[in-house]
Amino acid sequence: MSNEILKAYGCKDEELIFICGFTASSVERDSADFTAYSPKLNQGYFTTFKGNLTTATDVIMPRSLLLEQKNITARLYATMDGLLDPMRRLTGYINLSKSAVTISVADFGFTPLRAAINSRDAEGTFKSLQAINANVVKFKDVLMEQGLTEEFAAGLIAAAASIAADKQKQYEIESKRKNLLQANIGLFNDLFAQLTEILSVGKILYKGKDPVKLKEYTFSELMKKVNRSSKPVTEPTSASTDTTK
């Protein structure tokens, strides 16, 4: 038989953290009502709940991994943005070669690369850059006659290698995070059990008396609040879709 501990909750780990955070804020305001209902729900009870929440939050993404993730993402974006000027120059070399390069600028691979950079798609950037590097190798002699250098070509290869390495590091961080979460399922289950208890008492206290507070102690309503607050913000992209011009 497996000794794996199963999750007692149906939402994502991150969603549980947000819901508990909202509940902690509500119950801090309403602690007198809870304690008056049951001495079990005293200050020590809520201190334990908030302590477990803090520990679980650190498990979701430990500070060391979070900092490493931020650094990797910043480096990835810098590498991707740094490709725009080389692509403009490479386009120029292709145009200067006239018909000596037997494929068009459009077929060289710039369009999907620009799209991937604009959408912050590291994997798409890597794949498109690999295709461009293959074309550079194929037409290298002709392109070098127009001004392309060994250093330039090596820079494109190095950029692809850097993106691949950072993507691998991101994968390793995510694997560490998942393993850490699995090792701490018991903590999350305990947190969920406390949350369930608090929400249950909150419904007893405010059902039929305070509909606003009742929503604050209703799991489905809290889930809606999480979904509203966690909608991604789309980063602005370049006004022009042709960054080689």
C-alpha atoms as a PDB file:
ATOM      1  CA  MET A   1       0.000   0.000   0.000  1.00  0.00           C
ATOM      2  CA  SER A   2       1.144   3.558  -0.732  1.00  0.00           C
ATOM      3  CA  ASN A   3       2.014   5.865   2.155  1.00  0.00           C
ATOM      4  CA  GLU A   4       1.292   8.936   0.052  1.00  0.00           C
ATOM      5  CA  ILE A   5      -0.911  11.457   1.846  1.00  0.00           C
ATOM      6  CA  LEU A   6      -3.809  12.633  -0.309  1.00  0.00           C
ATOM      7  CA  LYS A   7      -5.071  16.198  -0.472  1.00  0.00           C
ATOM      8  CA  ALA A   8      -8.210  16.821   1.579  1.00  0.00           C
ATOM      9  CA  TYR A   9      -9.180  19.846  -0.525  1.00  0.00           C
ATOM     10  CA  GLY A  10     -10.261  20.157  -4.134  1.00  0.00           C
ATOM     11  CA  CYS A  11      -8.745  23.533  -5.032  1.00  0.00           C
ATOM     12  CA  LYS A  12      -5.174  24.360  -6.022  1.00  0.00           C
ATOM     13  CA  ASP A  13      -2.598  24.834  -3.270  1.00  0.00           C
ATOM     14  CA  GLU A  14      -2.174  28.506  -4.219  1.00  0.00           C
ATOM     15  CA  GLU A  15      -5.939  29.027  -4.111  1.00  0.00           C
ATOM     16  CA  LEU A  16      -6.126  27.533  -0.621  1.00  0.00           C
ATOM     17  CA  ILE A  17      -3.473  30.003   0.535  1.00  0.00           C
ATOM     18  CA  PHE A  18      -5.405  32.973  -0.859  1.00  0.00           C
ATOM     19  CA  ILE A  19      -8.686  31.781   0.657  1.00  0.00           C
ATOM     20  CA  CYS A  20      -7.053  31.319   4.053  1.00  0.00           C
ATOM     21  CA  GLY A  21      -5.530  34.787   3.756  1.00  0.00           C
ATOM     22  CA  PHE A  22      -8.921  36.372   3.114  1.00  0.00           C
ATOM     23  CA  THR A  23     -10.425  34.388   5.984  1.00  0.00           C
ATOM     24  CA  ALA A  24      -7.616  35.356   8.371  1.00  0.00           C
ATOM     25  CA  SER A  25      -8.351  39.035   7.701  1.00  0.00           C
ATOM     26  CA  SER A  26     -12.092  38.554   8.264  1.00  0.00           C
ATOM     27  CA  VAL A  27     -11.720  36.537  11.427  1.00  0.00           C
ATOM     28  CA  GLU A  28      -9.272  39.021  12.906  1.00  0.00           C
ATOM     29  CA  ARG A  29     -12.020  41.624  12.646  1.00  0.00           C
ATOM     30  CA  ASP A  30     -14.690  39.252  13.969  1.00  0.00           C
ATOM     31  CA  SER A  31     -12.627  37.377  16.595  1.00  0.00           C
ATOM     32  CA  ALA A  32     -14.799  38.633  19.474  1.00  0.00           C
ATOM     33  CA  ASP A  33     -17.902  37.056  17.892  1.00  0.00           C
ATOM     34  CA  PHE A  34     -16.104  33.731  17.424  1.00  0.00           C
ATOM     35  CA  THR A  35     -14.714  33.620  20.951  1.00  0.00           C
ATOM     36  CA  ALA A  36     -18.112  34.521  22.396  1.00  0.00           C
ATOM     37  CA  TYR A  37     -19.619  31.595  20.499  1.00  0.00           C
ATOM     38  CA  SER A  38     -16.962  29.093  21.641  1.00  0.00           C
ATOM     39  CA  PRO A  39     -13.941  29.528  23.948  1.00  0.00           C
ATOM     40  CA  LYS A  40     -12.128  27.052  21.695  1.00  0.00           C
ATOM     41  CA  LEU A  41     -11.976  29.783  19.042  1.00  0.00           C
ATOM     42  CA  ASN A  42      -9.765  32.045  21.132  1.00  0.00           C
ATOM     43  CA  GLN A  43      -6.778  34.170  20.215  1.00  0.00           C
ATOM     44  CA  GLY A  44      -4.438  31.192  20.469  1.00  0.00           C
ATOM     45  CA  TYR A  45      -6.550  29.269  17.951  1.00  0.00           C
ATOM     46  CA  PHE A  46      -6.352  32.075  15.409  1.00  0.00           C
ATOM     47  CA  THR A  47      -2.641  32.634  16.075  1.00  0.00           C
ATOM     48  CA  THR A  48      -2.061  28.973  15.225  1.00  0.00           C
ATOM     49  CA  PHE A  49      -4.149  29.347  12.056  1.00  0.00           C
ATOM     50  CA  LYS A  50      -2.148  32.378  10.916  1.00  0.00           C
ATOM     51  CA  GLY A  51       1.125  30.641  11.815  1.00  0.00           C
ATOM     52  CA  ASN A  52       0.187  27.610   9.713  1.00  0.00           C
ATOM     53  CA  LEU A  53      -0.800  29.966   6.900  1.00  0.00           C
ATOM     54  CA  THR A  54       2.592  31.689   7.011  1.00  0.00           C
ATOM     55  CA  THR A  55       4.409  28.334   6.944  1.00  0.00           C
ATOM     56  CA  ALA A  56       2.259  27.056   4.074  1.00  0.00           C
ATOM     57  CA  THR A  57       2.837  30.274   2.116  1.00  0.00           C
ATOM     58  CA  ASP A  58       6.595  29.760   2.394  1.00  0.00           C
ATOM     59  CA  VAL A  59       6.160  26.173   1.165  1.00  0.00           C
ATOM     60  CA  ILE A  60       4.231  27.302  -1.922  1.00  0.00           C
ATOM     61  CA  MET A  61       7.304  29.214  -3.073  1.00  0.00           C
ATOM     62  CA  PRO A  62      10.225  29.446  -0.640  1.00  0.00           C
ATOM     63  CA  ARG A  63      11.949  32.812  -0.664  1.00  0.00           C
ATOM     64  CA  SER A  64      15.187  31.361  -2.002  1.00  0.00           C
ATOM     65  CA  LEU A  65      13.396  29.684  -4.921  1.00  0.00           C
ATOM     66  CA  LEU A  66      11.290  32.774  -5.536  1.00  0.00           C
ATOM     67  CA  LEU A  67      14.383  34.970  -5.791  1.00  0.00           C
ATOM     68  CA  GLU A  68      16.067  32.463  -8.095  1.00  0.00           C
ATOM     69  CA  GLN A  69      12.940  32.286 -10.245  1.00  0.00           C
ATOM     70  CA  LYS A  70      12.785  36.083 -10.535  1.00  0.00           C
ATOM     71  CA  ASN A  71      16.458  36.264 -11.524  1.00  0.00           C
ATOM     72  CA  ILE A  72      16.038  33.564 -14.165  1.00  0.00           C
ATOM     73  CA  THR A  73      12.936  35.221 -15.607  1.00  0.00           C
ATOM     74  CA  ALA A  74      14.665  38.615 -15.753  1.00  0.00           C
ATOM     75  CA  ARG A  75      17.649  37.053 -17.527  1.00  0.00           C
ATOM     76  CA  LEU A  76      15.389  35.209 -19.983  1.00  0.00           C
ATOM     77  CA  TYR A  77      13.538  38.393 -20.890  1.00  0.00           C
ATOM     78  CA  ALA A  78      16.815  40.292 -21.311  1.00  0.00           C
ATOM     79  CA  THR A  79      18.164  37.580 -23.619  1.00  0.00           C
ATOM     80  CA  MET A  80      14.960  37.563 -25.646  1.00  0.00           C
ATOM     81  CA  ASP A  81      14.839  41.359 -25.970  1.00  0.00           C
ATOM     82  CA  GLY A  82      18.517  41.357 -26.892  1.00  0.00           C
ATOM     83  CA  LEU A  83      17.685  39.390 -30.041  1.00  0.00           C
ATOM     84  CA  LEU A  84      15.702  42.204 -31.649  1.00  0.00           C
ATOM     85  CA  ASP A  85      18.683  44.258 -32.842  1.00  0.00           C
ATOM     86  CA  PRO A  86      20.573  41.212 -34.233  1.00  0.00           C
ATOM     87  CA  MET A  87      17.437  40.222 -36.121  1.00  0.00           C
ATOM     88  CA  ARG A  88      17.253  43.660 -37.727  1.00  0.00           C
ATOM     89  CA  ARG A  89      20.902  43.402 -38.747  1.00  0.00           C
ATOM     90  CA  LEU A  90      20.489  39.873 -40.047  1.00  0.00           C
ATOM     91  CA  THR A  91      17.489  40.976 -42.105  1.00  0.00           C
ATOM     92  CA  GLY A  92      19.693  43.665 -43.619  1.00  0.00           C
ATOM     93  CA  TYR A  93      22.349  41.133 -44.584  1.00  0.00           C
ATOM     94  CA  ILE A  94      19.718  38.977 -46.280  1.00  0.00           C
ATOM     95  CA  ASN A  95      18.388  41.951 -48.230  1.00  0.00           C
ATOM     96  CA  LEU A  96      21.921  42.932 -49.270  1.00  0.00           C
ATOM     97  CA  SER A  97      22.549  39.429 -50.587  1.00  0.00           C
ATOM     98  CA  LYS A  98      19.765  39.849 -53.135  1.00  0.00           C
ATOM     99  CA  SER A  99      18.932  36.441 -54.613  1.00  0.00           C
ATOM    100  CA  ALA A 100      22.062  34.741 -53.262  1.00  0.00           C
ATOM    101  CA  VAL A 101      20.036  33.710 -50.195  1.00  0.00           C
ATOM    102  CA  THR A 102      17.472  31.467 -51.831  1.00  0.00           C
ATOM    103  CA  ILE A 103      14.756  31.839 -49.179  1.00  0.00           C
ATOM    104  CA  SER A 104      12.858  35.019 -48.382  1.00  0.00           C
ATOM    105  CA  VAL A 105      13.159  37.098 -45.234  1.00  0.00           C
ATOM    106  CA  ALA A 106       9.674  35.886 -44.308  1.00  0.00           C
ATOM    107  CA  ASP A 107      10.783  32.237 -44.570  1.00  0.00           C
ATOM    108  CA  PHE A 108      13.994  32.777 -42.606  1.00  0.00           C
ATOM    109  CA  GLY A 109      12.092  32.526 -39.308  1.00  0.00           C
ATOM    110  CA  PHE A 110      11.869  36.110 -38.022  1.00  0.00           C
ATOM    111  CA  THR A 111       8.068  36.363 -37.760  1.00  0.00           C
ATOM    112  CA  PRO A 112       7.552  33.513 -35.247  1.00  0.00           C
ATOM    113  CA  LEU A 113      10.597  34.713 -33.315  1.00  0.00           C
ATOM    114  CA  ARG A 114       9.190  38.229 -32.948  1.00  0.00           C
ATOM    115  CA  ALA A 115       5.811  36.829 -31.935  1.00  0.00           C
ATOM    116  CA  ALA A 116       7.417  34.632 -29.276  1.00  0.00           C
ATOM    117  CA  ILE A 117       9.484  37.508 -27.887  1.00  0.00           C
ATOM    118  CA  ASN A 118       6.462  39.811 -27.723  1.00  0.00           C
ATOM    119  CA  SER A 119       4.419  37.167 -25.895  1.00  0.00           C
ATOM    120  CA  ARG A 120       7.299  36.327 -23.530  1.00  0.00           C
ATOM    121  CA  ASP A 121       7.273  32.727 -24.789  1.00  0.00           C
ATOM    122  CA  ALA A 122      10.762  31.425 -24.006  1.00  0.00           C
ATOM    123  CA  GLU A 123      10.166  27.999 -25.524  1.00  0.00           C
ATOM    124  CA  GLY A 124       8.810  29.523 -28.730  1.00  0.00           C
ATOM    125  CA  THR A 125      11.748  31.925 -28.842  1.00  0.00           C
ATOM    126  CA  PHE A 126      14.195  29.035 -28.508  1.00  0.00           C
ATOM    127  CA  LYS A 127      12.562  26.985 -31.278  1.00  0.00           C
ATOM    128  CA  SER A 128      12.404  29.954 -33.665  1.00  0.00           C
ATOM    129  CA  LEU A 129      15.980  30.956 -32.909  1.00  0.00           C
ATOM    130  CA  GLN A 130      17.151  27.403 -33.583  1.00  0.00           C
ATOM    131  CA  ALA A 131      15.500  27.560 -37.013  1.00  0.00           C
ATOM    132  CA  ILE A 132      17.160  30.920 -37.727  1.00  0.00           C
ATOM    133  CA  ASN A 133      20.556  29.588 -36.606  1.00  0.00           C
ATOM    134  CA  ALA A 134      20.141  26.643 -38.968  1.00  0.00           C
ATOM    135  CA  ASN A 135      19.473  29.059 -41.838  1.00  0.00           C
ATOM    136  CA  VAL A 136      22.462  31.184 -40.845  1.00  0.00           C
ATOM    137  CA  VAL A 137      24.679  28.089 -41.067  1.00  0.00           C
ATOM    138  CA  LYS A 138      23.131  27.155 -44.419  1.00  0.00           C
ATOM    139  CA  PHE A 139      23.756  30.590 -45.961  1.00  0.00           C
ATOM    140  CA  LYS A 140      26.740  31.596 -43.854  1.00  0.00           C
ATOM    141  CA  ASP A 141      29.212  32.145 -46.704  1.00  0.00           C
ATOM    142  CA  VAL A 142      26.831  34.462 -48.569  1.00  0.00           C
ATOM    143  CA  LEU A 143      25.867  36.352 -45.406  1.00  0.00           C
ATOM    144  CA  MET A 144      29.509  36.827 -44.408  1.00  0.00           C
ATOM    145  CA  GLU A 145      30.112  38.540 -47.755  1.00  0.00           C
ATOM    146  CA  GLN A 146      27.483  41.100 -46.689  1.00  0.00           C
ATOM    147  CA  GLY A 147      29.048  41.722 -43.258  1.00  0.00           C
ATOM    148  CA  LEU A 148      27.978  38.887 -40.959  1.00  0.00           C
ATOM    149  CA  THR A 149      30.842  37.830 -38.687  1.00  0.00           C
ATOM    150  CA  GLU A 150      31.758  34.655 -36.832  1.00  0.00           C
ATOM    151  CA  GLU A 151      31.220  36.570 -33.602  1.00  0.00           C
ATOM    152  CA  PHE A 152      27.701  37.569 -34.689  1.00  0.00           C
ATOM    153  CA  ALA A 153      26.767  33.970 -35.571  1.00  0.00           C
ATOM    154  CA  ALA A 154      28.287  32.701 -32.318  1.00  0.00           C
ATOM    155  CA  GLY A 155      26.233  35.271 -30.396  1.00  0.00           C
ATOM    156  CA  LEU A 156      22.990  33.842 -31.786  1.00  0.00           C
ATOM    157  CA  ILE A 157      24.054  30.318 -30.858  1.00  0.00           C
ATOM    158  CA  ALA A 158      25.004  31.497 -27.362  1.00  0.00           C
ATOM    159  CA  ALA A 159      21.600  33.189 -26.957  1.00  0.00           C
ATOM    160  CA  ALA A 160      19.823  29.942 -27.828  1.00  0.00           C
ATOM    161  CA  ALA A 161      21.995  28.012 -25.360  1.00  0.00           C
ATOM    162  CA  SER A 162      21.298  30.596 -22.629  1.00  0.00           C
ATOM    163  CA  ILE A 163      17.532  30.354 -23.151  1.00  0.00           C
ATOM    164  CA  ALA A 164      17.650  26.554 -23.080  1.00  0.00           C
ATOM    165  CA  ALA A 165      19.714  26.575 -19.861  1.00  0.00           C
ATOM    166  CA  ASP A 166      17.356  29.018 -18.132  1.00  0.00           C
ATOM    167  CA  LYS A 167      14.303  27.012 -19.195  1.00  0.00           C
ATOM    168  CA  GLN A 168      15.928  23.911 -17.668  1.00  0.00           C
ATOM    169  CA  LYS A 169      16.596  25.815 -14.438  1.00  0.00           C
ATOM    170  CA  GLN A 170      12.950  26.919 -14.332  1.00  0.00           C
ATOM    171  CA  TYR A 171      11.897  23.284 -14.734  1.00  0.00           C
ATOM    172  CA  GLU A 172      14.202  22.237 -11.892  1.00  0.00           C
ATOM    173  CA  ILE A 173      12.776  24.937  -9.606  1.00  0.00           C
ATOM    174  CA  GLU A 174       9.221  23.839 -10.400  1.00  0.00           C
ATOM    175  CA  SER A 175      10.174  20.221  -9.659  1.00  0.00           C
ATOM    176  CA  LYS A 176      11.663  21.257  -6.305  1.00  0.00           C
ATOM    177  CA  ARG A 177       8.514  23.202  -5.520  1.00  0.00           C
ATOM    178  CA  LYS A 178       6.224  20.270  -6.366  1.00  0.00           C
ATOM    179  CA  ASN A 179       8.293  17.895  -4.253  1.00  0.00           C
ATOM    180  CA  LEU A 180       8.197  20.352  -1.370  1.00  0.00           C
ATOM    181  CA  LEU A 181       4.424  20.656  -1.672  1.00  0.00           C
ATOM    182  CA  GLN A 182       3.976  16.892  -1.688  1.00  0.00           C
ATOM    183  CA  ALA A 183       6.149  16.584   1.408  1.00  0.00           C
ATOM    184  CA  ASN A 184       3.953  19.110   3.201  1.00  0.00           C
ATOM    185  CA  ILE A 185       0.475  17.881   2.222  1.00  0.00           C
ATOM    186  CA  GLY A 186      -0.201  17.177   5.894  1.00  0.00           C
ATOM    187  CA  LEU A 187       0.363  20.845   6.730  1.00  0.00           C
ATOM    188  CA  PHE A 188      -2.036  21.959   3.979  1.00  0.00           C
ATOM    189  CA  ASN A 189      -4.648  19.415   5.083  1.00  0.00           C
ATOM    190  CA  ASP A 190      -4.436  20.733   8.658  1.00  0.00           C
ATOM    191  CA  LEU A 191      -4.782  24.285   7.372  1.00  0.00           C
ATOM    192  CA  PHE A 192      -7.823  23.287   5.324  1.00  0.00           C
ATOM    193  CA  ALA A 193      -9.366  21.561   8.360  1.00  0.00           C
ATOM    194  CA  GLN A 194      -8.994  24.767  10.381  1.00  0.00           C
ATOM    195  CA  LEU A 195     -10.367  26.819   7.514  1.00  0.00           C
ATOM    196  CA  THR A 196     -13.398  24.525   7.248  1.00  0.00           C
ATOM    197  CA  GLU A 197     -14.021  24.878  10.978  1.00  0.00           C
ATOM    198  CA  ILE A 198     -13.793  28.686  10.844  1.00  0.00           C
ATOM    199  CA  LEU A 199     -16.095  28.903   7.821  1.00  0.00           C
ATOM    200  CA  SER A 200     -18.605  26.601   9.486  1.00  0.00           C
ATOM    201  CA  VAL A 201     -18.770  28.783  12.603  1.00  0.00           C
ATOM    202  CA  GLY A 202     -18.890  31.921  10.463  1.00  0.00           C
ATOM    203  CA  LYS A 203     -22.023  30.609   8.740  1.00  0.00           C
ATOM    204  CA  ILE A 204     -23.609  29.877  12.121  1.00  0.00           C
ATOM    205  CA  LEU A 205     -22.838  33.384  13.340  1.00  0.00           C
ATOM    206  CA  TYR A 206     -23.902  35.403  10.297  1.00  0.00           C
ATOM    207  CA  LYS A 207     -26.480  33.408   8.316  1.00  0.00           C
ATOM    208  CA  GLY A 208     -29.739  35.346   8.336  1.00  0.00           C
ATOM    209  CA  LYS A 209     -28.062  38.232  10.173  1.00  0.00           C
ATOM    210  CA  ASP A 210     -25.286  39.677   8.003  1.00  0.00           C
ATOM    211  CA  PRO A 211     -25.276  38.598   4.330  1.00  0.00           C
ATOM    212  CA  VAL A 212     -22.059  40.495   3.603  1.00  0.00           C
ATOM    213  CA  LYS A 213     -20.106  38.717   6.344  1.00  0.00           C
ATOM    214  CA  LEU A 214     -21.775  35.419   5.426  1.00  0.00           C
ATOM    215  CA  LYS A 215     -20.162  35.615   1.985  1.00  0.00           C
ATOM    216  CA  GLU A 216     -16.801  36.116   3.647  1.00  0.00           C
ATOM    217  CA  TYR A 217     -17.218  32.740   5.331  1.00  0.00           C
ATOM    218  CA  THR A 218     -18.581  30.855   2.304  1.00  0.00           C
ATOM    219  CA  PHE A 219     -15.985  28.809   0.406  1.00  0.00           C
ATOM    220  CA  SER A 220     -17.600  29.230  -3.026  1.00  0.00           C
ATOM    221  CA  GLU A 221     -17.746  33.015  -2.588  1.00  0.00           C
ATOM    222  CA  LEU A 222     -14.127  33.126  -1.452  1.00  0.00           C
ATOM    223  CA  MET A 223     -13.156  31.065  -4.498  1.00  0.00           C
ATOM    224  CA  LYS A 224     -14.828  33.633  -6.748  1.00  0.00           C
ATOM    225  CA  LYS A 225     -12.844  36.353  -4.997  1.00  0.00           C
ATOM    226  CA  VAL A 226      -9.602  34.450  -5.599  1.00  0.00           C
ATOM    227  CA  ASN A 227     -10.417  34.034  -9.284  1.00  0.00           C
ATOM    228  CA  ARG A 228     -11.148  37.759  -9.652  1.00  0.00           C
ATOM    229  CA  SER A 229      -7.973  38.849  -7.875  1.00  0.00           C
ATOM    230  CA  SER A 230      -5.667  36.411  -9.683  1.00  0.00           C
ATOM    231  CA  LYS A 231      -6.545  37.223 -13.290  1.00  0.00           C
ATOM    232  CA  PRO A 232      -3.284  37.736 -15.200  1.00  0.00           C
ATOM    233  CA  VAL A 233      -2.351  41.179 -16.435  1.00  0.00           C
ATOM    234  CA  THR A 234      -1.304  41.138 -20.079  1.00  0.00           C
ATOM    235  CA  GLU A 235       2.022  42.847 -20.652  1.00  0.00           C
ATOM    236  CA  PRO A 236       1.986  45.524 -23.360  1.00  0.00           C
ATOM    237  CA  THR A 237       3.657  44.492 -26.571  1.00  0.00           C
ATOM    238  CA  SER A 238       5.471  46.520 -29.166  1.00  0.00           C
ATOM    239  CA  ALA A 239       3.234  48.838 -31.154  1.00  0.00           C
ATOM    240  CA  SER A 240       4.789  47.509 -34.345  1.00  0.00           C
ATOM    241  CA  THR A 241       4.696  43.825 -35.218  1.00  0.00           C
ATOM    242  CA  ASP A 242       7.709  44.184 -37.499  1.00  0.00           C
ATOM    243  CA  THR A 243      10.646  44.819 -35.203  1.00  0.00           C
ATOM    244  CA  THR A 244      13.203  44.307 -37.938  1.00  0.00           C
ATOM    245  CA  LYS A 245      12.318  47.640 -39.502  1.00  0.00           C
END
